[in-house]
Amino acid sequence: MPVEILFQAFTKPDFTLATFMVSDELLWKNLREGHELSFSELFERYYRLLVNYGNSLMSHSERVQDCVQDVFVDIWLYRHSLQETVVVKAYLLSSVRKRIARLHERDAVFRKTTSLEHVEFSMDFSIEDQLIADEETAIKVNQLNHLINSLPPRQKEALYLRYHHGLSIEQIAEMLNINYQSVTNLLHRAIVHLRKEWKGDLALFFLLFSEII
Protein backbone atom coordinates (compact mmCIF):
# COMPACT_ATOMS: atom_id res chain seq x y z
CA MET A 1 0.00 0.00 0.00
CA PRO A 2 1.27 3.53 -0.78
CA VAL A 3 0.78 4.74 2.82
CA GLU A 4 2.93 1.89 4.08
CA ILE A 5 5.62 2.87 1.59
CA LEU A 6 5.44 6.45 2.86
CA PHE A 7 5.97 5.28 6.41
CA GLN A 8 8.88 3.08 5.39
CA ALA A 9 10.47 5.96 3.51
CA PHE A 10 10.18 8.27 6.45
CA THR A 11 11.53 5.83 9.03
CA LYS A 12 13.91 3.56 7.17
CA PRO A 13 17.13 3.17 9.20
CA ASP A 14 19.46 2.50 6.27
CA PHE A 15 19.00 5.92 4.68
CA THR A 16 22.34 7.62 4.13
CA LEU A 17 23.69 10.81 2.56
CA ALA A 18 24.48 8.72 -0.51
CA THR A 19 20.81 9.03 -1.40
CA PHE A 20 21.38 12.68 -2.20
CA MET A 21 23.89 11.74 -4.88
CA VAL A 22 21.09 10.31 -7.00
CA SER A 23 19.54 12.93 -9.26
CA ASP A 24 15.88 13.81 -9.07
CA GLU A 25 15.58 12.96 -12.75
CA LEU A 26 16.81 9.41 -12.24
CA LEU A 27 14.60 8.88 -9.20
CA TRP A 28 11.61 10.17 -11.18
CA LYS A 29 12.38 7.86 -14.08
CA ASN A 30 12.70 4.86 -11.78
CA LEU A 31 9.55 5.83 -9.90
CA ARG A 32 7.56 5.91 -13.14
CA GLU A 33 8.80 2.38 -13.78
CA GLY A 34 7.51 1.23 -10.40
CA HIS A 35 10.68 1.22 -8.27
CA GLU A 36 9.52 1.63 -4.69
CA LEU A 37 12.98 2.58 -3.40
CA SER A 38 13.17 5.57 -5.73
CA PHE A 39 9.71 6.64 -4.61
CA SER A 40 10.81 6.33 -1.00
CA GLU A 41 13.95 8.36 -1.59
CA LEU A 42 12.02 11.17 -3.24
CA PHE A 43 9.63 11.18 -0.32
CA GLU A 44 12.50 11.34 2.15
CA ARG A 45 14.20 14.10 0.17
CA TYR A 46 11.24 16.43 -0.13
CA TYR A 47 8.73 15.63 2.62
CA ARG A 48 9.93 18.16 5.19
CA LEU A 49 10.48 20.87 2.58
CA LEU A 50 6.93 20.43 1.29
CA VAL A 51 5.43 20.44 4.77
CA ASN A 52 7.31 23.65 5.59
CA TYR A 53 6.02 25.26 2.42
CA GLY A 54 2.48 24.02 3.08
CA ASN A 55 2.62 25.46 6.59
CA SER A 56 3.22 28.87 5.04
CA LEU A 57 -0.17 28.60 3.30
CA MET A 58 -2.24 26.92 6.01
CA SER A 59 -2.07 27.08 9.79
CA HIS A 60 -3.26 23.51 10.41
CA SER A 61 -0.07 21.46 10.44
CA GLU A 62 -1.77 18.06 10.52
CA ARG A 63 -3.88 18.92 7.48
CA VAL A 64 -0.79 20.15 5.66
CA GLN A 65 0.94 16.84 6.36
CA ASP A 66 -2.12 15.02 5.02
CA CYS A 67 -1.98 17.12 1.85
CA VAL A 68 1.69 16.33 1.31
CA GLN A 69 1.13 12.63 1.91
CA ASP A 70 -1.84 12.66 -0.47
CA VAL A 71 0.36 14.17 -3.17
CA PHE A 72 2.84 11.32 -2.81
CA VAL A 73 0.11 8.71 -2.69
CA ASP A 74 -1.31 10.04 -5.96
CA ILE A 75 2.14 10.06 -7.51
CA TRP A 76 2.57 6.40 -6.66
CA LEU A 77 -0.93 5.38 -7.71
CA TYR A 78 -0.74 7.20 -11.05
CA ARG A 79 3.00 6.75 -11.64
CA HIS A 80 2.52 5.18 -15.06
CA SER A 81 0.71 8.27 -16.37
CA LEU A 82 3.12 10.85 -14.94
CA GLN A 83 4.91 13.19 -17.30
CA GLU A 84 8.19 11.74 -18.43
CA THR A 85 10.20 14.91 -17.91
CA VAL A 86 9.53 17.30 -15.03
CA VAL A 87 11.48 19.52 -12.66
CA VAL A 88 10.70 17.41 -9.61
CA LYS A 89 10.96 20.09 -6.93
CA ALA A 90 8.77 22.50 -8.89
CA TYR A 91 6.27 19.74 -9.64
CA LEU A 92 5.98 18.76 -5.98
CA LEU A 93 5.72 22.33 -4.68
CA SER A 94 3.03 23.09 -7.24
CA SER A 95 1.14 19.88 -6.43
CA VAL A 96 1.09 20.68 -2.71
CA ARG A 97 -0.07 24.22 -3.40
CA LYS A 98 -2.93 22.98 -5.59
CA ARG A 99 -3.89 20.34 -3.03
CA ILE A 100 -4.11 22.95 -0.29
CA ALA A 101 -6.13 25.22 -2.60
CA ARG A 102 -8.66 22.42 -3.17
CA LEU A 103 -8.82 21.86 0.58
CA HIS A 104 -9.57 25.55 1.10
CA GLU A 105 -12.19 25.32 -1.63
CA ARG A 106 -13.91 22.42 0.14
CA ASP A 107 -13.85 24.46 3.31
CA ALA A 108 -15.70 27.21 1.40
CA VAL A 109 -12.86 29.64 2.03
CA PHE A 110 -12.28 30.32 -1.64
CA ARG A 111 -15.40 28.74 -3.12
CA LYS A 112 -14.59 28.43 -6.83
CA THR A 113 -10.91 29.27 -7.00
CA THR A 114 -7.75 27.23 -6.66
CA SER A 115 -5.33 30.11 -7.12
CA LEU A 116 -4.73 30.82 -3.44
CA GLU A 117 -4.76 34.51 -4.33
CA HIS A 118 -6.08 35.49 -0.92
CA VAL A 119 -3.76 33.33 1.13
CA GLU A 120 -0.96 35.24 2.78
CA PHE A 121 2.39 33.53 2.49
CA SER A 122 3.46 33.52 6.13
CA MET A 123 6.81 31.73 6.20
CA ASP A 124 9.78 33.65 7.57
CA PHE A 125 12.94 32.93 5.67
CA SER A 126 16.43 34.31 5.66
CA ILE A 127 19.48 34.81 3.53
CA GLU A 128 21.89 31.91 3.88
CA ASP A 129 24.61 32.61 6.40
CA GLN A 130 27.58 31.08 4.61
CA LEU A 131 28.63 34.55 3.42
CA ILE A 132 28.60 36.05 6.91
CA ALA A 133 32.23 36.57 7.80
CA ASP A 134 32.01 38.85 10.84
CA GLU A 135 29.63 40.36 13.37
CA GLU A 136 29.14 43.56 11.39
CA THR A 137 28.08 41.62 8.30
CA ALA A 138 25.81 39.43 10.41
CA ILE A 139 24.01 42.52 11.72
CA LYS A 140 23.52 43.86 8.19
CA VAL A 141 22.21 40.53 6.92
CA ASN A 142 19.79 40.28 9.86
CA GLN A 143 18.50 43.72 8.93
CA LEU A 144 18.03 42.53 5.36
CA ASN A 145 16.20 39.44 6.55
CA HIS A 146 13.84 41.64 8.54
CA LEU A 147 13.10 43.69 5.44
CA ILE A 148 12.49 40.54 3.40
CA ASN A 149 9.96 39.24 5.88
CA SER A 150 8.11 42.57 5.93
CA LEU A 151 7.46 42.41 2.18
CA PRO A 152 3.89 41.88 0.91
CA PRO A 153 3.10 38.14 1.04
CA ARG A 154 2.97 37.71 -2.74
CA GLN A 155 6.37 39.33 -3.26
CA LYS A 156 7.86 37.33 -0.42
CA GLU A 157 6.55 34.03 -1.79
CA ALA A 158 7.93 34.77 -5.26
CA LEU A 159 11.29 35.69 -3.72
CA TYR A 160 11.23 32.55 -1.57
CA LEU A 161 10.55 30.25 -4.51
CA ARG A 162 13.18 31.94 -6.64
CA TYR A 163 15.91 32.36 -4.02
CA HIS A 164 15.51 29.33 -1.79
CA HIS A 165 14.38 26.77 -4.35
CA GLY A 166 15.86 28.13 -7.56
CA LEU A 167 12.59 27.89 -9.48
CA SER A 168 12.45 29.57 -12.87
CA ILE A 169 10.15 32.50 -13.62
CA GLU A 170 7.98 30.15 -15.71
CA GLN A 171 7.69 27.63 -12.87
CA ILE A 172 6.77 30.31 -10.33
CA ALA A 173 4.19 31.74 -12.74
CA GLU A 174 2.57 28.34 -13.11
CA MET A 175 2.55 27.78 -9.35
CA LEU A 176 1.04 31.16 -8.55
CA ASN A 177 -1.34 30.98 -11.52
CA ILE A 178 -0.11 34.29 -12.94
CA ASN A 179 1.80 35.18 -16.10
CA TYR A 180 5.54 35.51 -16.61
CA GLN A 181 5.52 39.31 -16.52
CA SER A 182 3.61 39.36 -13.24
CA VAL A 183 6.27 37.22 -11.57
CA THR A 184 8.99 39.44 -13.00
CA ASN A 185 7.16 42.47 -11.62
CA LEU A 186 6.81 40.89 -8.18
CA LEU A 187 10.51 40.10 -7.99
CA HIS A 188 11.48 43.52 -9.38
CA ARG A 189 9.33 45.40 -6.87
CA ALA A 190 10.69 43.29 -4.02
CA ILE A 191 14.32 43.90 -5.00
CA VAL A 192 13.76 47.63 -5.60
CA HIS A 193 12.11 47.98 -2.19
CA LEU A 194 14.91 46.08 -0.44
CA ARG A 195 17.59 48.13 -2.17
CA LYS A 196 15.81 51.35 -1.18
CA GLU A 197 15.29 50.43 2.47
CA TRP A 198 18.46 48.51 3.27
CA LYS A 199 21.28 50.69 4.53
CA GLY A 200 23.97 48.05 4.12
CA ASP A 201 26.69 47.68 1.53
CA LEU A 202 25.23 47.40 -1.98
CA ALA A 203 28.06 45.07 -2.99
CA LEU A 204 26.95 42.62 -0.29
CA PHE A 205 23.33 43.03 -1.38
CA PHE A 206 24.13 42.13 -4.98
CA LEU A 207 26.28 39.21 -3.82
CA LEU A 208 23.47 37.79 -1.69
CA PHE A 209 20.87 38.15 -4.43
CA SER A 210 23.09 37.40 -7.43
CA GLU A 211 20.95 34.40 -8.48
CA ILE A 212 17.78 36.51 -8.55
CA ILE A 213 19.09 39.72 -10.02
C-alpha atoms as a PDB file:
ATOM      1  CA  MET A   1       0.000   0.000   0.000  1.00  0.00           C
ATOM      2  CA  PRO A   2       1.269   3.529  -0.776  1.00  0.00           C
ATOM      3  CA  VAL A   3       0.782   4.739   2.821  1.00  0.00           C
ATOM      4  CA  GLU A   4       2.928   1.890   4.084  1.00  0.00           C
ATOM      5  CA  ILE A   5       5.616   2.866   1.586  1.00  0.00           C
ATOM      6  CA  LEU A   6       5.445   6.447   2.858  1.00  0.00           C
ATOM      7  CA  PHE A   7       5.975   5.276   6.411  1.00  0.00           C
ATOM      8  CA  GLN A   8       8.883   3.083   5.390  1.00  0.00           C
ATOM      9  CA  ALA A   9      10.473   5.959   3.510  1.00  0.00           C
ATOM     10  CA  PHE A  10      10.183   8.274   6.453  1.00  0.00           C
ATOM     11  CA  THR A  11      11.532   5.830   9.030  1.00  0.00           C
ATOM     12  CA  LYS A  12      13.912   3.556   7.167  1.00  0.00           C
ATOM     13  CA  PRO A  13      17.132   3.165   9.198  1.00  0.00           C
ATOM     14  CA  ASP A  14      19.463   2.501   6.269  1.00  0.00           C
ATOM     15  CA  PHE A  15      18.998   5.919   4.684  1.00  0.00           C
ATOM     16  CA  THR A  16      22.343   7.622   4.127  1.00  0.00           C
ATOM     17  CA  LEU A  17      23.688  10.806   2.558  1.00  0.00           C
ATOM     18  CA  ALA A  18      24.485   8.722  -0.509  1.00  0.00           C
ATOM     19  CA  THR A  19      20.812   9.027  -1.397  1.00  0.00           C
ATOM     20  CA  PHE A  20      21.383  12.679  -2.196  1.00  0.00           C
ATOM     21  CA  MET A  21      23.893  11.737  -4.879  1.00  0.00           C
ATOM     22  CA  VAL A  22      21.091  10.309  -6.996  1.00  0.00           C
ATOM     23  CA  SER A  23      19.544  12.932  -9.263  1.00  0.00           C
ATOM     24  CA  ASP A  24      15.877  13.810  -9.074  1.00  0.00           C
ATOM     25  CA  GLU A  25      15.581  12.964 -12.754  1.00  0.00           C
ATOM     26  CA  LEU A  26      16.808   9.410 -12.245  1.00  0.00           C
ATOM     27  CA  LEU A  27      14.598   8.879  -9.203  1.00  0.00           C
ATOM     28  CA  TRP A  28      11.613  10.168 -11.183  1.00  0.00           C
ATOM     29  CA  LYS A  29      12.383   7.858 -14.082  1.00  0.00           C
ATOM     30  CA  ASN A  30      12.700   4.856 -11.780  1.00  0.00           C
ATOM     31  CA  LEU A  31       9.549   5.833  -9.898  1.00  0.00           C
ATOM     32  CA  ARG A  32       7.555   5.905 -13.140  1.00  0.00           C
ATOM     33  CA  GLU A  33       8.802   2.383 -13.778  1.00  0.00           C
ATOM     34  CA  GLY A  34       7.512   1.226 -10.400  1.00  0.00           C
ATOM     35  CA  HIS A  35      10.677   1.221  -8.274  1.00  0.00           C
ATOM     36  CA  GLU A  36       9.523   1.625  -4.688  1.00  0.00           C
ATOM     37  CA  LEU A  37      12.977   2.577  -3.403  1.00  0.00           C
ATOM     38  CA  SER A  38      13.167   5.566  -5.734  1.00  0.00           C
ATOM     39  CA  PHE A  39       9.707   6.643  -4.612  1.00  0.00           C
ATOM     40  CA  SER A  40      10.812   6.326  -0.997  1.00  0.00           C
ATOM     41  CA  GLU A  41      13.949   8.356  -1.590  1.00  0.00           C
ATOM     42  CA  LEU A  42      12.015  11.173  -3.245  1.00  0.00           C
ATOM     43  CA  PHE A  43       9.628  11.181  -0.320  1.00  0.00           C
ATOM     44  CA  GLU A  44      12.503  11.342   2.153  1.00  0.00           C
ATOM     45  CA  ARG A  45      14.201  14.098   0.171  1.00  0.00           C
ATOM     46  CA  TYR A  46      11.235  16.429  -0.130  1.00  0.00           C
ATOM     47  CA  TYR A  47       8.730  15.634   2.620  1.00  0.00           C
ATOM     48  CA  ARG A  48       9.929  18.162   5.193  1.00  0.00           C
ATOM     49  CA  LEU A  49      10.480  20.869   2.576  1.00  0.00           C
ATOM     50  CA  LEU A  50       6.931  20.428   1.291  1.00  0.00           C
ATOM     51  CA  VAL A  51       5.435  20.442   4.772  1.00  0.00           C
ATOM     52  CA  ASN A  52       7.315  23.650   5.592  1.00  0.00           C
ATOM     53  CA  TYR A  53       6.020  25.260   2.419  1.00  0.00           C
ATOM     54  CA  GLY A  54       2.484  24.023   3.079  1.00  0.00           C
ATOM     55  CA  ASN A  55       2.615  25.458   6.593  1.00  0.00           C
ATOM     56  CA  SER A  56       3.218  28.871   5.041  1.00  0.00           C
ATOM     57  CA  LEU A  57      -0.169  28.600   3.304  1.00  0.00           C
ATOM     58  CA  MET A  58      -2.245  26.920   6.006  1.00  0.00           C
ATOM     59  CA  SER A  59      -2.074  27.080   9.786  1.00  0.00           C
ATOM     60  CA  HIS A  60      -3.256  23.507  10.412  1.00  0.00           C
ATOM     61  CA  SER A  61      -0.073  21.459  10.440  1.00  0.00           C
ATOM     62  CA  GLU A  62      -1.773  18.062  10.524  1.00  0.00           C
ATOM     63  CA  ARG A  63      -3.881  18.919   7.480  1.00  0.00           C
ATOM     64  CA  VAL A  64      -0.789  20.149   5.663  1.00  0.00           C
ATOM     65  CA  GLN A  65       0.939  16.836   6.361  1.00  0.00           C
ATOM     66  CA  ASP A  66      -2.116  15.023   5.024  1.00  0.00           C
ATOM     67  CA  CYS A  67      -1.981  17.119   1.850  1.00  0.00           C
ATOM     68  CA  VAL A  68       1.689  16.331   1.308  1.00  0.00           C
ATOM     69  CA  GLN A  69       1.134  12.629   1.905  1.00  0.00           C
ATOM     70  CA  ASP A  70      -1.844  12.656  -0.466  1.00  0.00           C
ATOM     71  CA  VAL A  71       0.358  14.168  -3.175  1.00  0.00           C
ATOM     72  CA  PHE A  72       2.839  11.324  -2.808  1.00  0.00           C
ATOM     73  CA  VAL A  73       0.114   8.710  -2.687  1.00  0.00           C
ATOM     74  CA  ASP A  74      -1.309  10.037  -5.965  1.00  0.00           C
ATOM     75  CA  ILE A  75       2.144  10.063  -7.515  1.00  0.00           C
ATOM     76  CA  TRP A  76       2.572   6.404  -6.657  1.00  0.00           C
ATOM     77  CA  LEU A  77      -0.931   5.377  -7.708  1.00  0.00           C
ATOM     78  CA  TYR A  78      -0.738   7.200 -11.046  1.00  0.00           C
ATOM     79  CA  ARG A  79       3.001   6.751 -11.637  1.00  0.00           C
ATOM     80  CA  HIS A  80       2.522   5.184 -15.055  1.00  0.00           C
ATOM     81  CA  SER A  81       0.706   8.267 -16.369  1.00  0.00           C
ATOM     82  CA  LEU A  82       3.121  10.847 -14.940  1.00  0.00           C
ATOM     83  CA  GLN A  83       4.913  13.194 -17.296  1.00  0.00           C
ATOM     84  CA  GLU A  84       8.195  11.743 -18.434  1.00  0.00           C
ATOM     85  CA  THR A  85      10.200  14.911 -17.909  1.00  0.00           C
ATOM     86  CA  VAL A  86       9.528  17.296 -15.027  1.00  0.00           C
ATOM     87  CA  VAL A  87      11.476  19.515 -12.663  1.00  0.00           C
ATOM     88  CA  VAL A  88      10.698  17.407  -9.615  1.00  0.00           C
ATOM     89  CA  LYS A  89      10.963  20.090  -6.932  1.00  0.00           C
ATOM     90  CA  ALA A  90       8.768  22.501  -8.886  1.00  0.00           C
ATOM     91  CA  TYR A  91       6.266  19.737  -9.638  1.00  0.00           C
ATOM     92  CA  LEU A  92       5.985  18.762  -5.979  1.00  0.00           C
ATOM     93  CA  LEU A  93       5.717  22.325  -4.679  1.00  0.00           C
ATOM     94  CA  SER A  94       3.032  23.086  -7.238  1.00  0.00           C
ATOM     95  CA  SER A  95       1.140  19.881  -6.425  1.00  0.00           C
ATOM     96  CA  VAL A  96       1.094  20.682  -2.713  1.00  0.00           C
ATOM     97  CA  ARG A  97      -0.072  24.222  -3.403  1.00  0.00           C
ATOM     98  CA  LYS A  98      -2.930  22.978  -5.590  1.00  0.00           C
ATOM     99  CA  ARG A  99      -3.885  20.335  -3.033  1.00  0.00           C
ATOM    100  CA  ILE A 100      -4.112  22.955  -0.286  1.00  0.00           C
ATOM    101  CA  ALA A 101      -6.131  25.218  -2.601  1.00  0.00           C
ATOM    102  CA  ARG A 102      -8.658  22.422  -3.167  1.00  0.00           C
ATOM    103  CA  LEU A 103      -8.820  21.863   0.575  1.00  0.00           C
ATOM    104  CA  HIS A 104      -9.572  25.550   1.096  1.00  0.00           C
ATOM    105  CA  GLU A 105     -12.193  25.323  -1.629  1.00  0.00           C
ATOM    106  CA  ARG A 106     -13.908  22.419   0.136  1.00  0.00           C
ATOM    107  CA  ASP A 107     -13.850  24.459   3.312  1.00  0.00           C
ATOM    108  CA  ALA A 108     -15.697  27.210   1.403  1.00  0.00           C
ATOM    109  CA  VAL A 109     -12.863  29.637   2.034  1.00  0.00           C
ATOM    110  CA  PHE A 110     -12.281  30.325  -1.644  1.00  0.00           C
ATOM    111  CA  ARG A 111     -15.405  28.740  -3.121  1.00  0.00           C
ATOM    112  CA  LYS A 112     -14.589  28.427  -6.835  1.00  0.00           C
ATOM    113  CA  THR A 113     -10.911  29.274  -7.000  1.00  0.00           C
ATOM    114  CA  THR A 114      -7.755  27.232  -6.663  1.00  0.00           C
ATOM    115  CA  SER A 115      -5.327  30.108  -7.120  1.00  0.00           C
ATOM    116  CA  LEU A 116      -4.728  30.823  -3.441  1.00  0.00           C
ATOM    117  CA  GLU A 117      -4.758  34.512  -4.332  1.00  0.00           C
ATOM    118  CA  HIS A 118      -6.081  35.488  -0.923  1.00  0.00           C
ATOM    119  CA  VAL A 119      -3.758  33.335   1.131  1.00  0.00           C
ATOM    120  CA  GLU A 120      -0.960  35.237   2.779  1.00  0.00           C
ATOM    121  CA  PHE A 121       2.388  33.527   2.491  1.00  0.00           C
ATOM    122  CA  SER A 122       3.464  33.520   6.133  1.00  0.00           C
ATOM    123  CA  MET A 123       6.814  31.733   6.203  1.00  0.00           C
ATOM    124  CA  ASP A 124       9.784  33.649   7.574  1.00  0.00           C
ATOM    125  CA  PHE A 125      12.945  32.926   5.668  1.00  0.00           C
ATOM    126  CA  SER A 126      16.428  34.311   5.659  1.00  0.00           C
ATOM    127  CA  ILE A 127      19.483  34.815   3.531  1.00  0.00           C
ATOM    128  CA  GLU A 128      21.894  31.907   3.878  1.00  0.00           C
ATOM    129  CA  ASP A 129      24.607  32.610   6.399  1.00  0.00           C
ATOM    130  CA  GLN A 130      27.579  31.077   4.610  1.00  0.00           C
ATOM    131  CA  LEU A 131      28.632  34.546   3.417  1.00  0.00           C
ATOM    132  CA  ILE A 132      28.599  36.053   6.914  1.00  0.00           C
ATOM    133  CA  ALA A 133      32.234  36.568   7.798  1.00  0.00           C
ATOM    134  CA  ASP A 134      32.008  38.853  10.839  1.00  0.00           C
ATOM    135  CA  GLU A 135      29.633  40.357  13.373  1.00  0.00           C
ATOM    136  CA  GLU A 136      29.136  43.557  11.386  1.00  0.00           C
ATOM    137  CA  THR A 137      28.084  41.619   8.301  1.00  0.00           C
ATOM    138  CA  ALA A 138      25.806  39.431  10.413  1.00  0.00           C
ATOM    139  CA  ILE A 139      24.008  42.517  11.721  1.00  0.00           C
ATOM    140  CA  LYS A 140      23.517  43.857   8.187  1.00  0.00           C
ATOM    141  CA  VAL A 141      22.215  40.532   6.924  1.00  0.00           C
ATOM    142  CA  ASN A 142      19.795  40.284   9.863  1.00  0.00           C
ATOM    143  CA  GLN A 143      18.498  43.719   8.933  1.00  0.00           C
ATOM    144  CA  LEU A 144      18.025  42.530   5.358  1.00  0.00           C
ATOM    145  CA  ASN A 145      16.200  39.439   6.555  1.00  0.00           C
ATOM    146  CA  HIS A 146      13.840  41.641   8.545  1.00  0.00           C
ATOM    147  CA  LEU A 147      13.105  43.693   5.435  1.00  0.00           C
ATOM    148  CA  ILE A 148      12.486  40.545   3.400  1.00  0.00           C
ATOM    149  CA  ASN A 149       9.955  39.238   5.883  1.00  0.00           C
ATOM    150  CA  SER A 150       8.112  42.567   5.928  1.00  0.00           C
ATOM    151  CA  LEU A 151       7.465  42.411   2.175  1.00  0.00           C
ATOM    152  CA  PRO A 152       3.894  41.880   0.911  1.00  0.00           C
ATOM    153  CA  PRO A 153       3.104  38.141   1.036  1.00  0.00           C
ATOM    154  CA  ARG A 154       2.967  37.711  -2.741  1.00  0.00           C
ATOM    155  CA  GLN A 155       6.373  39.328  -3.257  1.00  0.00           C
ATOM    156  CA  LYS A 156       7.865  37.328  -0.419  1.00  0.00           C
ATOM    157  CA  GLU A 157       6.552  34.031  -1.787  1.00  0.00           C
ATOM    158  CA  ALA A 158       7.932  34.768  -5.259  1.00  0.00           C
ATOM    159  CA  LEU A 159      11.285  35.689  -3.724  1.00  0.00           C
ATOM    160  CA  TYR A 160      11.229  32.553  -1.572  1.00  0.00           C
ATOM    161  CA  LEU A 161      10.545  30.246  -4.508  1.00  0.00           C
ATOM    162  CA  ARG A 162      13.182  31.944  -6.643  1.00  0.00           C
ATOM    163  CA  TYR A 163      15.914  32.362  -4.022  1.00  0.00           C
ATOM    164  CA  HIS A 164      15.510  29.331  -1.792  1.00  0.00           C
ATOM    165  CA  HIS A 165      14.377  26.774  -4.348  1.00  0.00           C
ATOM    166  CA  GLY A 166      15.856  28.128  -7.559  1.00  0.00           C
ATOM    167  CA  LEU A 167      12.594  27.887  -9.484  1.00  0.00           C
ATOM    168  CA  SER A 168      12.451  29.566 -12.867  1.00  0.00           C
ATOM    169  CA  ILE A 169      10.148  32.497 -13.621  1.00  0.00           C
ATOM    170  CA  GLU A 170       7.983  30.155 -15.706  1.00  0.00           C
ATOM    171  CA  GLN A 171       7.686  27.634 -12.872  1.00  0.00           C
ATOM    172  CA  ILE A 172       6.774  30.314 -10.333  1.00  0.00           C
ATOM    173  CA  ALA A 173       4.194  31.742 -12.736  1.00  0.00           C
ATOM    174  CA  GLU A 174       2.572  28.336 -13.109  1.00  0.00           C
ATOM    175  CA  MET A 175       2.552  27.780  -9.346  1.00  0.00           C
ATOM    176  CA  LEU A 176       1.036  31.157  -8.545  1.00  0.00           C
ATOM    177  CA  ASN A 177      -1.342  30.984 -11.521  1.00  0.00           C
ATOM    178  CA  ILE A 178      -0.106  34.286 -12.937  1.00  0.00           C
ATOM    179  CA  ASN A 179       1.803  35.183 -16.098  1.00  0.00           C
ATOM    180  CA  TYR A 180       5.537  35.506 -16.608  1.00  0.00           C
ATOM    181  CA  GLN A 181       5.521  39.314 -16.523  1.00  0.00           C
ATOM    182  CA  SER A 182       3.611  39.364 -13.241  1.00  0.00           C
ATOM    183  CA  VAL A 183       6.267  37.216 -11.573  1.00  0.00           C
ATOM    184  CA  THR A 184       8.990  39.442 -12.995  1.00  0.00           C
ATOM    185  CA  ASN A 185       7.164  42.469 -11.617  1.00  0.00           C
ATOM    186  CA  LEU A 186       6.812  40.890  -8.177  1.00  0.00           C
ATOM    187  CA  LEU A 187      10.512  40.102  -7.986  1.00  0.00           C
ATOM    188  CA  HIS A 188      11.482  43.516  -9.375  1.00  0.00           C
ATOM    189  CA  ARG A 189       9.332  45.399  -6.869  1.00  0.00           C
ATOM    190  CA  ALA A 190      10.695  43.294  -4.018  1.00  0.00           C
ATOM    191  CA  ILE A 191      14.317  43.898  -5.004  1.00  0.00           C
ATOM    192  CA  VAL A 192      13.764  47.626  -5.597  1.00  0.00           C
ATOM    193  CA  HIS A 193      12.113  47.977  -2.192  1.00  0.00           C
ATOM    194  CA  LEU A 194      14.911  46.084  -0.442  1.00  0.00           C
ATOM    195  CA  ARG A 195      17.593  48.135  -2.175  1.00  0.00           C
ATOM    196  CA  LYS A 196      15.812  51.353  -1.182  1.00  0.00           C
ATOM    197  CA  GLU A 197      15.289  50.431   2.471  1.00  0.00           C
ATOM    198  CA  TRP A 198      18.455  48.512   3.271  1.00  0.00           C
ATOM    199  CA  LYS A 199      21.282  50.686   4.530  1.00  0.00           C
ATOM    200  CA  GLY A 200      23.967  48.045   4.125  1.00  0.00           C
ATOM    201  CA  ASP A 201      26.690  47.677   1.531  1.00  0.00           C
ATOM    202  CA  LEU A 202      25.231  47.398  -1.977  1.00  0.00           C
ATOM    203  CA  ALA A 203      28.062  45.067  -2.985  1.00  0.00           C
ATOM    204  CA  LEU A 204      26.948  42.621  -0.291  1.00  0.00           C
ATOM    205  CA  PHE A 205      23.332  43.030  -1.377  1.00  0.00           C
ATOM    206  CA  PHE A 206      24.132  42.130  -4.976  1.00  0.00           C
ATOM    207  CA  LEU A 207      26.279  39.207  -3.823  1.00  0.00           C
ATOM    208  CA  LEU A 208      23.470  37.789  -1.685  1.00  0.00           C
ATOM    209  CA  PHE A 209      20.873  38.147  -4.434  1.00  0.00           C
ATOM    210  CA  SER A 210      23.085  37.398  -7.429  1.00  0.00           C
ATOM    211  CA  GLU A 211      20.950  34.405  -8.481  1.00  0.00           C
ATOM    212  CA  ILE A 212      17.779  36.506  -8.551  1.00  0.00           C
ATOM    213  CA  ILE A 213      19.089  39.717 -10.022  1.00  0.00           C
END
